[in-house]
N, C-alpha and C. Protein backbone atom coordinates (compact mmCIF):
# COMPACT_ATOMS: atom_id res chain seq x y z
N HIS A 1 0.86 -1.19 0.01
CA HIS A 1 0.01 0.01 0.00
C HIS A 1 0.89 1.23 -0.01
N VAL A 2 0.61 2.20 -0.89
CA VAL A 2 1.37 3.41 -1.00
C VAL A 2 0.49 4.63 -0.72
N GLU A 3 0.95 5.55 0.07
CA GLU A 3 0.24 6.79 0.33
C GLU A 3 1.08 7.97 -0.09
N VAL A 4 0.41 8.92 -0.72
CA VAL A 4 1.04 10.21 -1.06
C VAL A 4 0.18 11.27 -0.42
N GLU A 5 0.75 12.04 0.46
CA GLU A 5 -0.03 12.98 1.23
C GLU A 5 0.55 14.40 1.04
N GLU A 6 -0.34 15.33 0.68
CA GLU A 6 0.03 16.73 0.51
C GLU A 6 -0.47 17.53 1.68
N SER A 7 0.18 18.65 1.93
CA SER A 7 -0.26 19.61 2.94
C SER A 7 0.17 20.99 2.54
N GLY A 8 -0.48 21.99 3.15
CA GLY A 8 -0.04 23.38 2.97
C GLY A 8 -0.88 24.26 2.10
N GLY A 9 -1.97 23.72 1.54
CA GLY A 9 -2.82 24.57 0.73
C GLY A 9 -3.57 25.62 1.54
N GLY A 10 -4.30 26.50 0.87
CA GLY A 10 -5.07 27.47 1.58
C GLY A 10 -5.43 28.67 0.73
N LEU A 11 -5.86 29.73 1.40
CA LEU A 11 -6.27 30.98 0.75
C LEU A 11 -5.17 32.03 0.99
N VAL A 12 -4.78 32.70 -0.07
CA VAL A 12 -3.77 33.74 0.04
C VAL A 12 -4.12 34.87 -0.89
N GLN A 13 -3.70 36.07 -0.55
CA GLN A 13 -3.95 37.22 -1.41
C GLN A 13 -2.93 37.24 -2.56
N PRO A 14 -3.29 37.88 -3.66
CA PRO A 14 -2.32 38.03 -4.75
C PRO A 14 -1.02 38.66 -4.28
N GLY A 15 0.10 38.09 -4.76
CA GLY A 15 1.39 38.55 -4.32
C GLY A 15 1.92 37.82 -3.09
N GLY A 16 1.08 37.04 -2.48
CA GLY A 16 1.48 36.29 -1.28
C GLY A 16 2.22 34.99 -1.60
N SER A 17 2.50 34.25 -0.54
CA SER A 17 3.29 33.01 -0.66
C SER A 17 2.59 31.87 0.05
N LEU A 18 2.84 30.68 -0.43
CA LEU A 18 2.39 29.44 0.22
C LEU A 18 3.50 28.39 0.00
N ARG A 19 3.56 27.43 0.93
CA ARG A 19 4.51 26.34 0.79
C ARG A 19 3.73 25.05 0.89
N LEU A 20 3.84 24.24 -0.14
CA LEU A 20 3.21 22.91 -0.15
C LEU A 20 4.25 21.84 0.17
N SER A 21 3.82 20.82 0.85
CA SER A 21 4.68 19.71 1.17
C SER A 21 4.02 18.40 0.78
N CYS A 22 4.86 17.41 0.49
CA CYS A 22 4.35 16.11 0.07
C CYS A 22 5.25 15.03 0.55
N THR A 23 4.67 13.93 1.05
CA THR A 23 5.42 12.76 1.48
C THR A 23 4.81 11.52 0.89
N ALA A 24 5.65 10.68 0.27
CA ALA A 24 5.22 9.37 -0.24
C ALA A 24 5.72 8.30 0.72
N SER A 25 4.83 7.41 1.14
CA SER A 25 5.22 6.37 2.06
C SER A 25 4.60 5.06 1.64
N GLY A 26 5.24 3.96 2.03
CA GLY A 26 4.76 2.65 1.71
C GLY A 26 5.79 1.84 0.98
N SER A 27 5.32 0.81 0.32
CA SER A 27 6.22 -0.13 -0.34
C SER A 27 6.18 0.10 -1.82
N PHE A 28 7.27 0.61 -2.38
CA PHE A 28 7.39 0.83 -3.81
C PHE A 28 8.84 0.90 -4.18
N TYR A 29 9.10 0.76 -5.48
CA TYR A 29 10.46 0.90 -5.95
C TYR A 29 10.96 2.32 -5.69
N SER A 30 12.24 2.50 -5.65
CA SER A 30 12.83 3.81 -5.36
C SER A 30 12.29 4.85 -6.33
N ILE A 31 12.18 6.07 -5.81
CA ILE A 31 11.56 7.16 -6.58
C ILE A 31 12.49 7.67 -7.65
N LEU A 32 11.95 7.89 -8.83
CA LEU A 32 12.70 8.47 -9.94
C LEU A 32 12.51 9.98 -9.93
N SER A 33 11.30 10.43 -9.67
CA SER A 33 11.04 11.87 -9.58
C SER A 33 9.80 12.12 -8.75
N MET A 34 9.69 13.32 -8.23
CA MET A 34 8.51 13.78 -7.51
C MET A 34 7.98 15.01 -8.26
N ASP A 35 6.70 15.05 -8.53
CA ASP A 35 6.12 16.12 -9.31
C ASP A 35 5.04 16.85 -8.53
N TRP A 36 4.82 18.10 -8.94
CA TRP A 36 3.61 18.84 -8.54
C TRP A 36 2.83 19.17 -9.83
N TRP A 37 1.55 18.81 -9.81
CA TRP A 37 0.66 19.09 -10.91
C TRP A 37 -0.44 20.02 -10.41
N ARG A 38 -1.11 20.69 -11.31
CA ARG A 38 -2.16 21.63 -10.95
C ARG A 38 -3.34 21.43 -11.88
N GLN A 39 -4.52 21.45 -11.30
CA GLN A 39 -5.74 21.37 -12.11
C GLN A 39 -6.63 22.55 -11.80
N ILE A 40 -6.85 23.33 -12.86
CA ILE A 40 -7.73 24.49 -12.75
C ILE A 40 -9.10 24.07 -13.21
N PRO A 41 -10.17 24.55 -12.54
CA PRO A 41 -11.54 24.10 -12.94
C PRO A 41 -11.77 24.23 -14.44
N GLY A 42 -12.27 23.12 -15.03
CA GLY A 42 -12.62 23.13 -16.43
C GLY A 42 -11.45 22.83 -17.35
N LYS A 43 -10.23 22.60 -16.78
CA LYS A 43 -9.06 22.36 -17.59
C LYS A 43 -8.40 21.05 -17.18
N GLU A 44 -7.49 20.57 -18.04
CA GLU A 44 -6.76 19.36 -17.75
C GLU A 44 -5.70 19.62 -16.67
N ARG A 45 -5.25 18.55 -16.05
CA ARG A 45 -4.19 18.66 -15.07
C ARG A 45 -2.87 18.89 -15.78
N ASP A 46 -2.11 19.89 -15.33
CA ASP A 46 -0.85 20.26 -15.96
C ASP A 46 0.31 20.12 -14.97
N LEU A 47 1.45 19.75 -15.52
CA LEU A 47 2.67 19.65 -14.71
C LEU A 47 3.19 21.04 -14.35
N VAL A 48 3.41 21.27 -13.08
CA VAL A 48 3.88 22.56 -12.60
C VAL A 48 5.40 22.51 -12.35
N ALA A 49 5.86 21.51 -11.68
CA ALA A 49 7.29 21.40 -11.31
C ALA A 49 7.64 19.94 -11.09
N ARG A 50 8.92 19.63 -11.30
CA ARG A 50 9.43 18.26 -11.14
C ARG A 50 10.83 18.33 -10.58
N ILE A 51 11.12 17.39 -9.68
CA ILE A 51 12.49 17.23 -9.21
C ILE A 51 12.86 15.76 -9.31
N THR A 52 13.98 15.47 -9.93
CA THR A 52 14.38 14.06 -10.08
C THR A 52 15.23 13.62 -8.91
N VAL A 53 15.49 12.32 -8.85
CA VAL A 53 16.30 11.80 -7.77
C VAL A 53 17.73 12.33 -7.86
N TYR A 54 18.11 12.80 -9.01
CA TYR A 54 19.45 13.40 -9.17
C TYR A 54 19.50 14.89 -8.85
N GLY A 55 18.32 15.42 -8.51
CA GLY A 55 18.25 16.83 -8.12
C GLY A 55 17.95 17.81 -9.23
N ALA A 56 17.76 17.28 -10.45
CA ALA A 56 17.41 18.16 -11.55
C ALA A 56 15.99 18.64 -11.40
N THR A 57 15.75 19.92 -11.70
CA THR A 57 14.41 20.52 -11.57
C THR A 57 13.95 21.08 -12.90
N SER A 58 12.64 21.10 -13.07
CA SER A 58 12.04 21.71 -14.23
C SER A 58 10.70 22.32 -13.83
N TYR A 59 10.30 23.38 -14.57
CA TYR A 59 9.08 24.12 -14.23
C TYR A 59 8.31 24.43 -15.49
N SER A 60 6.99 24.63 -15.31
CA SER A 60 6.22 25.17 -16.41
C SER A 60 6.56 26.63 -16.58
N ASP A 61 6.36 27.14 -17.80
CA ASP A 61 6.67 28.54 -18.05
C ASP A 61 5.86 29.49 -17.17
N SER A 62 4.67 29.08 -16.81
CA SER A 62 3.79 29.99 -16.06
C SER A 62 4.24 30.21 -14.64
N VAL A 63 5.08 29.34 -14.10
CA VAL A 63 5.52 29.48 -12.72
C VAL A 63 7.02 29.70 -12.59
N LYS A 64 7.74 29.64 -13.66
CA LYS A 64 9.19 29.80 -13.63
C LYS A 64 9.55 31.13 -13.03
N GLY A 65 10.49 31.11 -12.08
CA GLY A 65 10.90 32.32 -11.41
C GLY A 65 10.09 32.67 -10.18
N ARG A 66 8.96 32.01 -10.00
CA ARG A 66 8.10 32.28 -8.82
C ARG A 66 8.00 31.09 -7.90
N PHE A 67 8.03 29.88 -8.46
CA PHE A 67 7.91 28.66 -7.69
C PHE A 67 9.28 27.94 -7.60
N THR A 68 9.53 27.29 -6.47
CA THR A 68 10.76 26.51 -6.30
C THR A 68 10.39 25.17 -5.70
N ILE A 69 10.82 24.12 -6.40
CA ILE A 69 10.63 22.77 -5.89
C ILE A 69 11.90 22.28 -5.24
N SER A 70 11.78 21.60 -4.12
CA SER A 70 12.98 21.11 -3.43
C SER A 70 12.64 19.80 -2.71
N ARG A 71 13.67 19.04 -2.42
CA ARG A 71 13.46 17.79 -1.70
C ARG A 71 13.47 18.06 -0.22
N GLY A 72 12.75 17.19 0.52
CA GLY A 72 12.79 17.25 1.96
C GLY A 72 13.95 16.46 2.49
N ASN A 73 13.71 15.76 3.59
CA ASN A 73 14.80 15.00 4.22
C ASN A 73 15.10 13.68 3.50
N SER A 74 14.24 13.26 2.59
CA SER A 74 14.49 12.05 1.86
C SER A 74 14.00 12.23 0.43
N GLU A 75 14.33 11.27 -0.44
CA GLU A 75 13.90 11.39 -1.84
C GLU A 75 12.40 11.23 -1.96
N ASN A 76 11.74 10.80 -0.88
CA ASN A 76 10.27 10.57 -0.91
C ASN A 76 9.50 11.82 -0.41
N GLU A 77 10.22 12.92 -0.14
CA GLU A 77 9.60 14.11 0.37
C GLU A 77 9.93 15.29 -0.58
N VAL A 78 8.94 16.13 -0.85
CA VAL A 78 9.16 17.24 -1.74
C VAL A 78 8.36 18.45 -1.26
N ASN A 79 8.89 19.61 -1.49
CA ASN A 79 8.23 20.85 -1.15
C ASN A 79 8.08 21.75 -2.37
N LEU A 80 7.09 22.58 -2.35
CA LEU A 80 6.91 23.54 -3.41
C LEU A 80 6.68 24.91 -2.77
N GLN A 81 7.67 25.78 -2.92
CA GLN A 81 7.55 27.15 -2.42
C GLN A 81 7.01 28.02 -3.51
N MET A 82 5.85 28.63 -3.22
CA MET A 82 5.16 29.44 -4.23
C MET A 82 5.16 30.89 -3.78
N ASN A 83 5.83 31.73 -4.56
CA ASN A 83 5.90 33.15 -4.23
C ASN A 83 5.22 33.99 -5.31
N ASN A 84 4.87 35.20 -4.95
CA ASN A 84 4.26 36.12 -5.88
C ASN A 84 3.06 35.44 -6.59
N LEU A 85 2.20 34.88 -5.79
CA LEU A 85 1.07 34.12 -6.33
C LEU A 85 0.09 35.03 -7.07
N LEU A 86 -0.46 34.47 -8.13
CA LEU A 86 -1.41 35.17 -8.98
C LEU A 86 -2.77 34.50 -8.91
N PRO A 87 -3.86 35.22 -9.16
CA PRO A 87 -5.16 34.56 -9.18
C PRO A 87 -5.19 33.37 -10.15
N SER A 88 -4.42 33.42 -11.21
CA SER A 88 -4.39 32.31 -12.18
C SER A 88 -3.69 31.07 -11.61
N ASP A 89 -3.06 31.17 -10.44
CA ASP A 89 -2.46 30.01 -9.79
C ASP A 89 -3.51 29.20 -9.00
N THR A 90 -4.70 29.73 -8.91
CA THR A 90 -5.73 29.04 -8.15
C THR A 90 -6.04 27.68 -8.80
N GLY A 91 -6.14 26.70 -7.97
CA GLY A 91 -6.49 25.35 -8.43
C GLY A 91 -6.17 24.30 -7.38
N VAL A 92 -6.36 23.05 -7.76
CA VAL A 92 -6.01 21.95 -6.89
C VAL A 92 -4.61 21.46 -7.29
N TYR A 93 -3.74 21.36 -6.31
CA TYR A 93 -2.37 20.94 -6.53
C TYR A 93 -2.21 19.50 -6.08
N TYR A 94 -1.66 18.69 -6.99
CA TYR A 94 -1.46 17.28 -6.74
C TYR A 94 0.01 16.93 -6.71
N CYS A 95 0.40 16.12 -5.77
CA CYS A 95 1.74 15.58 -5.73
C CYS A 95 1.71 14.19 -6.37
N CYS A 96 2.76 13.92 -7.15
CA CYS A 96 2.82 12.62 -7.83
C CYS A 96 4.23 12.06 -7.64
N ALA A 97 4.29 10.82 -7.13
CA ALA A 97 5.57 10.12 -6.98
C ALA A 97 5.72 9.13 -8.12
N ILE A 98 6.81 9.23 -8.84
CA ILE A 98 7.07 8.37 -9.99
C ILE A 98 8.20 7.43 -9.64
N PRO A 99 7.86 6.15 -9.42
CA PRO A 99 8.90 5.18 -9.06
C PRO A 99 9.65 4.73 -10.30
N ARG A 100 10.78 4.06 -10.10
CA ARG A 100 11.56 3.52 -11.21
C ARG A 100 10.82 2.43 -11.95
N SER A 101 9.91 1.78 -11.24
CA SER A 101 9.14 0.72 -11.88
C SER A 101 7.77 0.69 -11.23
N GLY A 102 6.73 0.38 -11.99
CA GLY A 102 5.41 0.32 -11.43
C GLY A 102 4.62 1.57 -11.72
N PRO A 103 3.40 1.64 -11.17
CA PRO A 103 2.55 2.77 -11.47
C PRO A 103 2.99 4.04 -10.73
N ASP A 104 2.51 5.21 -11.25
CA ASP A 104 2.70 6.46 -10.56
C ASP A 104 1.72 6.53 -9.40
N TYR A 105 2.08 7.25 -8.36
CA TYR A 105 1.25 7.39 -7.17
C TYR A 105 0.88 8.84 -6.97
N TRP A 106 -0.44 9.07 -6.81
CA TRP A 106 -0.98 10.41 -6.69
C TRP A 106 -1.56 10.67 -5.33
N GLY A 107 -1.41 11.93 -4.86
CA GLY A 107 -2.09 12.31 -3.65
C GLY A 107 -3.52 12.78 -3.97
N GLN A 108 -4.25 13.13 -2.90
CA GLN A 108 -5.63 13.54 -3.07
C GLN A 108 -5.76 14.97 -3.53
N GLY A 109 -4.69 15.74 -3.41
CA GLY A 109 -4.72 17.14 -3.84
C GLY A 109 -5.01 18.09 -2.72
N VAL A 110 -4.49 19.31 -2.84
CA VAL A 110 -4.79 20.38 -1.90
C VAL A 110 -5.24 21.64 -2.68
N GLN A 111 -6.20 22.32 -2.12
CA GLN A 111 -6.74 23.50 -2.78
C GLN A 111 -5.84 24.72 -2.47
N VAL A 112 -5.52 25.43 -3.52
CA VAL A 112 -4.84 26.72 -3.41
C VAL A 112 -5.73 27.77 -4.02
N THR A 113 -6.06 28.80 -3.28
CA THR A 113 -6.92 29.83 -3.77
C THR A 113 -6.21 31.17 -3.59
N VAL A 114 -6.04 31.87 -4.70
CA VAL A 114 -5.40 33.18 -4.66
C VAL A 114 -6.44 34.24 -5.00
N SER A 115 -6.81 34.99 -3.99
CA SER A 115 -7.87 35.96 -4.17
C SER A 115 -7.78 37.04 -3.13
N SER A 116 -8.25 38.23 -3.53
CA SER A 116 -8.26 39.34 -2.57
C SER A 116 -9.63 39.43 -1.94
């Protein structure tokens, strides 16, 4: 059984910051990468940021320069620091753990709302 748990969502004003955290636990092959995805109402889920087991990071153009993905204390933990948030960042943020073998594991998602 594998669990992926996110935390840190909430309501913030435009220009504010939030930090999301994610932990994957259970029995699975070692992690290849940890991702943050975002789903805006009425749209498909899009990749926001990724960090590989080697420490390489990548970001969508819409968040580059504002969001920073980093590992926690282990390769199964990841954080997403979100600065200068915009109303267009509003959505449900999902953490995804991609193992070297087997299926991807998704969390339940956390709501991020950017509004004045």
